[in-house]
N, C-alpha and C. Protein backbone atom coordinates (compact mmCIF):
# COMPACT_ATOMS: atom_id res chain seq x y z
N UNK A 1 -127.56 65.19 -116.95
CA UNK A 1 -126.30 64.44 -115.65
C UNK A 1 -126.83 63.97 -114.52
N UNK A 2 -127.46 64.64 -114.49
CA UNK A 2 -129.22 64.08 -113.25
C UNK A 2 -130.38 63.17 -113.62
N UNK A 3 -129.82 62.54 -114.96
CA UNK A 3 -130.80 62.13 -114.89
C UNK A 3 -130.32 60.17 -114.38
N UNK A 4 -131.68 59.74 -114.37
CA UNK A 4 -130.90 58.63 -113.47
C UNK A 4 -130.48 57.49 -114.71
N UNK A 5 -129.81 57.19 -114.51
CA UNK A 5 -128.92 55.99 -114.80
C UNK A 5 -129.29 54.61 -115.45
N UNK A 6 -129.96 53.68 -116.91
CA UNK A 6 -130.49 52.89 -116.31
C UNK A 6 -129.85 51.48 -117.17
N UNK A 7 -129.17 50.55 -116.08
CA UNK A 7 -128.76 49.83 -117.03
C UNK A 7 -129.45 49.12 -117.66
N UNK A 8 -130.04 48.68 -119.30
CA UNK A 8 -130.77 48.38 -120.21
C UNK A 8 -130.44 46.50 -120.18
N UNK A 9 -129.20 46.29 -120.09
CA UNK A 9 -128.62 44.60 -120.13
C UNK A 9 -129.46 44.20 -118.37
N UNK A 10 -129.46 45.24 -117.48
CA UNK A 10 -130.77 44.92 -116.02
C UNK A 10 -131.80 44.03 -116.95
N UNK A 11 -132.25 45.55 -117.43
CA UNK A 11 -133.39 45.68 -117.57
C UNK A 11 -134.28 44.65 -117.66
N UNK A 12 -133.70 44.24 -119.22
CA UNK A 12 -133.94 42.56 -120.21
C UNK A 12 -134.05 41.38 -119.29
N UNK A 13 -132.47 41.32 -118.04
CA UNK A 13 -132.05 40.25 -117.38
C UNK A 13 -133.78 40.15 -116.46
N UNK A 14 -134.04 41.22 -116.29
CA UNK A 14 -135.37 40.74 -114.73
C UNK A 14 -136.68 40.67 -116.08
N UNK A 15 -136.62 40.51 -117.43
CA UNK A 15 -138.30 40.65 -117.70
C UNK A 15 -137.81 39.07 -118.33
N UNK A 16 -136.56 39.10 -118.47
CA UNK A 16 -136.41 37.46 -119.16
C UNK A 16 -136.92 36.14 -117.46
N UNK A 17 -136.33 36.66 -116.58
CA UNK A 17 -136.49 36.37 -115.04
C UNK A 17 -138.35 36.38 -115.02
N UNK A 18 -138.99 37.35 -115.51
CA UNK A 18 -140.11 37.12 -115.21
C UNK A 18 -141.13 36.51 -116.49
N UNK A 19 -139.98 35.92 -117.20
CA UNK A 19 -141.35 35.64 -118.31
C UNK A 19 -140.64 34.10 -117.75
N UNK A 20 -139.73 33.62 -117.74
CA UNK A 20 -139.18 32.74 -117.55
C UNK A 20 -140.39 31.93 -115.81
N UNK A 21 -140.57 32.83 -115.11
CA UNK A 21 -141.66 32.35 -114.05
C UNK A 21 -143.26 32.09 -114.60
N UNK A 22 -143.54 32.76 -115.72
CA UNK A 22 -144.68 32.94 -115.58
C UNK A 22 -145.03 32.06 -116.66
N UNK A 23 -143.70 31.64 -117.57
CA UNK A 23 -143.78 30.27 -118.92
C UNK A 23 -143.85 29.49 -117.36
N UNK A 24 -143.24 29.13 -115.94
CA UNK A 24 -142.79 27.55 -115.27
C UNK A 24 -144.39 27.60 -115.16
N UNK A 25 -145.17 28.08 -114.63
CA UNK A 25 -147.39 28.15 -114.93
C UNK A 25 -147.08 27.93 -115.29
N UNK A 26 -147.38 28.06 -116.51
CA UNK A 26 -148.25 27.34 -117.71
C UNK A 26 -147.85 26.40 -118.02
N UNK A 27 -146.44 26.07 -118.03
CA UNK A 27 -146.16 24.95 -117.81
C UNK A 27 -146.69 24.02 -117.22
N UNK A 28 -146.74 23.61 -115.46
CA UNK A 28 -146.93 23.39 -115.08
C UNK A 28 -148.13 21.83 -115.52
N UNK A 29 -149.63 22.33 -115.27
CA UNK A 29 -150.38 21.90 -115.83
C UNK A 29 -150.31 21.33 -116.88
N UNK A 30 -148.90 21.30 -117.48
CA UNK A 30 -149.29 20.44 -118.87
C UNK A 30 -148.09 18.86 -118.59
N UNK A 31 -147.28 19.62 -117.69
CA UNK A 31 -145.82 18.18 -117.40
C UNK A 31 -146.20 17.73 -116.12
N UNK A 32 -147.79 17.69 -114.88
CA UNK A 32 -147.37 17.34 -114.51
C UNK A 32 -148.28 16.30 -114.52
N UNK A 33 -149.09 15.32 -115.45
CA UNK A 33 -149.94 14.64 -115.52
C UNK A 33 -149.11 13.15 -116.04
N UNK A 34 -147.64 13.74 -117.09
CA UNK A 34 -146.87 13.00 -117.63
C UNK A 34 -146.13 12.62 -116.74
N UNK A 35 -145.55 13.51 -115.61
CA UNK A 35 -144.67 13.18 -114.69
C UNK A 35 -145.11 12.23 -113.32
N UNK A 36 -146.96 12.36 -112.97
CA UNK A 36 -147.62 11.93 -112.26
C UNK A 36 -147.40 9.96 -112.44
N UNK A 37 -147.33 9.92 -113.57
CA UNK A 37 -147.18 8.44 -114.62
C UNK A 37 -146.63 7.44 -114.89
N UNK A 38 -145.50 8.46 -114.06
CA UNK A 38 -143.72 7.66 -113.66
C UNK A 38 -144.14 7.15 -112.45
N UNK A 39 -144.17 5.59 -112.03
CA UNK A 39 -144.24 5.38 -110.91
C UNK A 39 -143.94 5.75 -109.54
N UNK A 40 -142.16 5.90 -109.92
CA UNK A 40 -141.44 6.06 -109.01
C UNK A 40 -141.54 7.66 -108.40
N UNK A 41 -142.12 8.86 -109.30
CA UNK A 41 -142.73 9.97 -109.36
C UNK A 41 -143.83 10.74 -108.32
N UNK A 42 -144.73 9.62 -108.50
CA UNK A 42 -146.49 9.09 -108.15
C UNK A 42 -146.53 9.96 -107.58
N UNK A 43 -146.22 8.48 -106.16
CA UNK A 43 -146.57 9.48 -104.98
C UNK A 43 -146.05 10.65 -104.11
N UNK A 44 -145.03 11.78 -104.72
CA UNK A 44 -144.28 12.80 -104.50
C UNK A 44 -144.74 13.78 -105.58
N UNK A 45 -146.38 13.23 -106.42
CA UNK A 45 -146.33 14.79 -106.90
C UNK A 45 -147.15 16.09 -106.53
N UNK A 46 -146.87 15.53 -105.40
CA UNK A 46 -148.08 17.21 -104.42
C UNK A 46 -146.61 17.86 -104.00
N UNK A 47 -145.87 17.26 -103.70
CA UNK A 47 -144.22 17.72 -103.26
C UNK A 47 -143.76 18.80 -104.82
N UNK A 48 -143.58 17.73 -105.99
CA UNK A 48 -143.14 18.10 -107.10
C UNK A 48 -143.75 19.66 -107.15
N UNK A 49 -145.13 19.51 -107.49
CA UNK A 49 -145.87 20.24 -108.23
C UNK A 49 -146.16 21.66 -107.51
N UNK A 50 -145.40 21.69 -105.61
CA UNK A 50 -145.11 22.45 -105.11
C UNK A 50 -144.20 23.35 -105.50
N UNK A 51 -142.87 22.31 -105.49
CA UNK A 51 -141.11 23.32 -105.84
C UNK A 51 -141.42 23.90 -107.57
N UNK A 52 -142.20 22.72 -108.02
CA UNK A 52 -142.42 24.23 -109.63
C UNK A 52 -142.90 24.97 -109.11
N UNK A 53 -144.49 25.16 -108.55
CA UNK A 53 -145.19 26.48 -108.26
C UNK A 53 -143.90 27.68 -107.79
N UNK A 54 -143.31 27.12 -106.92
CA UNK A 54 -142.40 27.76 -105.60
C UNK A 54 -140.94 28.43 -106.77
N UNK A 55 -140.89 27.79 -107.75
CA UNK A 55 -139.58 27.96 -108.53
C UNK A 55 -140.49 29.11 -109.62
N UNK A 56 -141.41 28.83 -109.70
CA UNK A 56 -142.40 29.76 -110.15
C UNK A 56 -141.99 31.11 -109.77
N UNK A 57 -142.76 31.28 -108.65
CA UNK A 57 -142.82 32.66 -107.80
C UNK A 57 -141.36 32.86 -107.86
N UNK A 58 -140.57 32.08 -107.06
CA UNK A 58 -139.40 32.68 -106.66
C UNK A 58 -138.45 33.66 -108.31
N UNK A 59 -139.09 32.54 -109.26
CA UNK A 59 -137.76 33.13 -110.90
C UNK A 59 -139.02 35.10 -110.81
N UNK A 60 -139.93 34.82 -110.86
CA UNK A 60 -141.16 36.17 -110.80
C UNK A 60 -140.87 37.30 -109.72
N UNK A 61 -140.48 36.65 -108.48
CA UNK A 61 -140.66 37.64 -107.28
C UNK A 61 -138.86 38.27 -108.07
N UNK A 62 -137.85 37.08 -107.54
CA UNK A 62 -136.17 37.16 -108.77
C UNK A 62 -136.51 39.21 -109.59
N UNK A 63 -137.25 38.43 -110.44
CA UNK A 63 -137.42 39.79 -111.49
C UNK A 63 -137.89 41.28 -111.51
N UNK A 64 -138.69 40.57 -110.58
CA UNK A 64 -139.56 41.93 -109.70
C UNK A 64 -139.35 42.67 -109.09
N UNK A 65 -137.96 42.34 -107.92
CA UNK A 65 -137.03 42.73 -106.88
C UNK A 65 -136.13 43.90 -108.17
N UNK A 66 -135.40 42.76 -109.42
CA UNK A 66 -134.76 43.69 -109.61
C UNK A 66 -134.97 44.45 -110.86
N UNK A 67 -136.44 44.28 -111.48
CA UNK A 67 -136.74 45.94 -112.04
C UNK A 67 -136.98 46.80 -111.07
N UNK A 68 -137.39 46.33 -110.11
CA UNK A 68 -137.99 47.53 -109.38
C UNK A 68 -137.06 48.41 -109.00
N UNK A 69 -136.11 47.61 -108.03
CA UNK A 69 -134.31 48.25 -107.65
C UNK A 69 -133.71 49.40 -108.61
N UNK A 70 -133.45 48.18 -110.00
CA UNK A 70 -133.19 49.75 -111.52
C UNK A 70 -133.67 50.26 -112.22
N UNK A 71 -135.51 51.03 -111.71
CA UNK A 71 -135.83 52.04 -111.99
C UNK A 71 -136.18 52.69 -110.69
N UNK A 72 -135.78 52.48 -109.61
CA UNK A 72 -135.77 52.57 -108.67
C UNK A 72 -134.52 53.45 -107.65
N UNK A 73 -133.54 53.46 -108.75
CA UNK A 73 -132.31 54.02 -108.26
C UNK A 73 -132.08 55.67 -108.19
N UNK A 74 -131.54 55.80 -107.43
CA UNK A 74 -130.82 57.64 -107.02
C UNK A 74 -130.64 58.30 -107.93
N UNK A 75 -130.72 59.28 -108.99
CA UNK A 75 -129.71 59.79 -109.43
C UNK A 75 -128.75 60.44 -108.58
N UNK A 76 -127.22 60.47 -109.48
CA UNK A 76 -125.92 60.81 -109.01
C UNK A 76 -126.13 62.72 -107.95
N UNK A 77 -125.91 63.01 -106.90
CA UNK A 77 -126.28 63.86 -106.93
C UNK A 77 -125.66 64.88 -107.34
N UNK A 78 -125.84 66.34 -107.57
CA UNK A 78 -125.00 67.02 -108.38
C UNK A 78 -124.93 67.85 -107.47
N UNK A 79 -123.18 68.52 -107.82
CA UNK A 79 -122.90 69.64 -106.54
C UNK A 79 -122.89 71.10 -107.26
N UNK A 80 -123.73 72.35 -106.42
CA UNK A 80 -123.85 73.41 -107.25
C UNK A 80 -122.46 74.29 -106.90
């Protein structure tokens, strides 16, 4: 009864967010050259790259926060 309640769905979701963020970081170098070849987006390639990295950081940070809070939950107080 004093065990911590860990919601497995939340843990899986947190891991999925972290993996998605890492996937964004992995794909940016592969995708940016093709985006830079589009004339309309070539001038904004620095901003687009910044946005992709921001999304990756946001996903990893959100998943890490969710994972941290899920394992940091306080057990219910037992009354003696």
